[in-house]
Amino acid sequence: MLERLADRGADVSIIGDPAAARPGQIVVPLPTGSTEELSPIPEIMPLQRLAHTMAVARHHDPDAPRGLAKVTRTR
């Protein structure tokens, strides 16, 4: 999939293994050596930071995303 996207001119960023990247692509290497239970934490943090930065740059409140409504059920 990454190759097809790059061939179509898409900007591809790799978060993880730098060996999967082509020259010129942005790579965010992740620390190695964490346990399987903890490995999702460093994988998701760069993406959360990116989402926060994009929301702020677009003048949106990252703590109140549009389209998100709280639903409370009482019985």
C-alpha atoms as a PDB file:
ATOM      1  CA  MET A   1       0.000   0.000   0.000  1.00  0.00           C
ATOM      2  CA  LEU A   2       2.806   2.415   0.849  1.00  0.00           C
ATOM      3  CA  GLU A   3       4.410   1.898  -2.545  1.00  0.00           C
ATOM      4  CA  ARG A   4       1.128   2.521  -4.365  1.00  0.00           C
ATOM      5  CA  LEU A   5       0.544   5.731  -2.429  1.00  0.00           C
ATOM      6  CA  ALA A   6       4.066   6.972  -3.080  1.00  0.00           C
ATOM      7  CA  ASP A   7       3.765   6.120  -6.784  1.00  0.00           C
ATOM      8  CA  ARG A   8       0.635   8.285  -6.956  1.00  0.00           C
ATOM      9  CA  GLY A   9       2.503  11.230  -5.455  1.00  0.00           C
ATOM     10  CA  ALA A  10       1.078  11.059  -1.933  1.00  0.00           C
ATOM     11  CA  ASP A  11       3.151  12.351   0.963  1.00  0.00           C
ATOM     12  CA  VAL A  12       3.905   9.221   2.984  1.00  0.00           C
ATOM     13  CA  SER A  13       5.158   9.304   6.549  1.00  0.00           C
ATOM     14  CA  ILE A  14       6.408   6.200   8.321  1.00  0.00           C
ATOM     15  CA  ILE A  15       5.996   5.769  12.054  1.00  0.00           C
ATOM     16  CA  GLY A  16       8.013   2.747  13.052  1.00  0.00           C
ATOM     17  CA  ASP A  17      10.604   0.825  11.082  1.00  0.00           C
ATOM     18  CA  PRO A  18      12.863   3.167   9.059  1.00  0.00           C
ATOM     19  CA  ALA A  19      13.682   0.282   6.695  1.00  0.00           C
ATOM     20  CA  ALA A  20      10.126   0.493   5.308  1.00  0.00           C
ATOM     21  CA  ALA A  21      10.665   4.043   4.022  1.00  0.00           C
ATOM     22  CA  ARG A  22      11.806   5.196   0.630  1.00  0.00           C
ATOM     23  CA  PRO A  23      14.370   7.979   0.297  1.00  0.00           C
ATOM     24  CA  GLY A  24      12.762  11.355   0.960  1.00  0.00           C
ATOM     25  CA  GLN A  25       9.923  10.030   3.073  1.00  0.00           C
ATOM     26  CA  ILE A  26       9.441  11.274   6.613  1.00  0.00           C
ATOM     27  CA  VAL A  27      10.322   8.659   9.229  1.00  0.00           C
ATOM     28  CA  VAL A  28       9.531   8.773  12.934  1.00  0.00           C
ATOM     29  CA  PRO A  29      11.479   5.884  14.453  1.00  0.00           C
ATOM     30  CA  LEU A  30      10.060   4.278  17.572  1.00  0.00           C
ATOM     31  CA  PRO A  31      12.026   3.070  20.562  1.00  0.00           C
ATOM     32  CA  THR A  32      12.715  -0.629  20.645  1.00  0.00           C
ATOM     33  CA  GLY A  33      12.837  -3.038  23.526  1.00  0.00           C
ATOM     34  CA  SER A  34       9.422  -2.453  25.082  1.00  0.00           C
ATOM     35  CA  THR A  35       7.209  -5.355  26.050  1.00  0.00           C
ATOM     36  CA  GLU A  36       4.324  -6.423  23.855  1.00  0.00           C
ATOM     37  CA  GLU A  37       1.813  -5.059  26.364  1.00  0.00           C
ATOM     38  CA  LEU A  38       3.391  -1.581  26.332  1.00  0.00           C
ATOM     39  CA  SER A  39       4.321  -1.340  22.652  1.00  0.00           C
ATOM     40  CA  PRO A  40       1.044   0.381  21.547  1.00  0.00           C
ATOM     41  CA  ILE A  41       1.779   3.396  23.768  1.00  0.00           C
ATOM     42  CA  PRO A  42       4.828   4.745  21.911  1.00  0.00           C
ATOM     43  CA  GLU A  43       3.189   3.810  18.593  1.00  0.00           C
ATOM     44  CA  ILE A  44       0.105   5.975  19.127  1.00  0.00           C
ATOM     45  CA  MET A  45       1.737   8.977  20.805  1.00  0.00           C
ATOM     46  CA  PRO A  46       3.199  10.549  17.617  1.00  0.00           C
ATOM     47  CA  LEU A  47      -0.194  10.282  15.912  1.00  0.00           C
ATOM     48  CA  GLN A  48      -1.990  11.859  18.860  1.00  0.00           C
ATOM     49  CA  ARG A  49       0.515  14.697  18.834  1.00  0.00           C
ATOM     50  CA  LEU A  50      -0.009  15.169  15.096  1.00  0.00           C
ATOM     51  CA  ALA A  51      -3.800  15.246  15.514  1.00  0.00           C
ATOM     52  CA  HIS A  52      -3.521  17.799  18.334  1.00  0.00           C
ATOM     53  CA  THR A  53      -1.162  20.026  16.336  1.00  0.00           C
ATOM     54  CA  MET A  54      -3.419  19.891  13.266  1.00  0.00           C
ATOM     55  CA  ALA A  55      -6.513  20.760  15.327  1.00  0.00           C
ATOM     56  CA  VAL A  56      -4.794  23.763  16.895  1.00  0.00           C
ATOM     57  CA  ALA A  57      -3.456  24.917  13.512  1.00  0.00           C
ATOM     58  CA  ARG A  58      -6.996  24.805  12.122  1.00  0.00           C
ATOM     59  CA  HIS A  59      -8.291  26.814  15.098  1.00  0.00           C
ATOM     60  CA  HIS A  60     -10.347  23.915  16.468  1.00  0.00           C
ATOM     61  CA  ASP A  61     -10.615  23.005  20.128  1.00  0.00           C
ATOM     62  CA  PRO A  62      -8.838  19.621  20.498  1.00  0.00           C
ATOM     63  CA  ASP A  63     -10.754  18.975  23.727  1.00  0.00           C
ATOM     64  CA  ALA A  64     -14.145  19.367  22.035  1.00  0.00           C
ATOM     65  CA  PRO A  65     -14.007  17.674  18.625  1.00  0.00           C
ATOM     66  CA  ARG A  66     -16.855  18.540  16.309  1.00  0.00           C
ATOM     67  CA  GLY A  67     -19.262  15.743  15.639  1.00  0.00           C
ATOM     68  CA  LEU A  68     -18.664  14.195  19.045  1.00  0.00           C
ATOM     69  CA  ALA A  69     -21.739  14.216  21.232  1.00  0.00           C
ATOM     70  CA  LYS A  70     -21.931  12.850  24.732  1.00  0.00           C
ATOM     71  CA  VAL A  71     -24.596  10.233  25.166  1.00  0.00           C
ATOM     72  CA  THR A  72     -25.698   9.383  28.663  1.00  0.00           C
ATOM     73  CA  ARG A  73     -28.165   6.605  29.304  1.00  0.00           C
ATOM     74  CA  THR A  74     -30.093   6.517  32.522  1.00  0.00           C
ATOM     75  CA  ARG A  75     -32.371   3.762  33.688  1.00  0.00           C
END
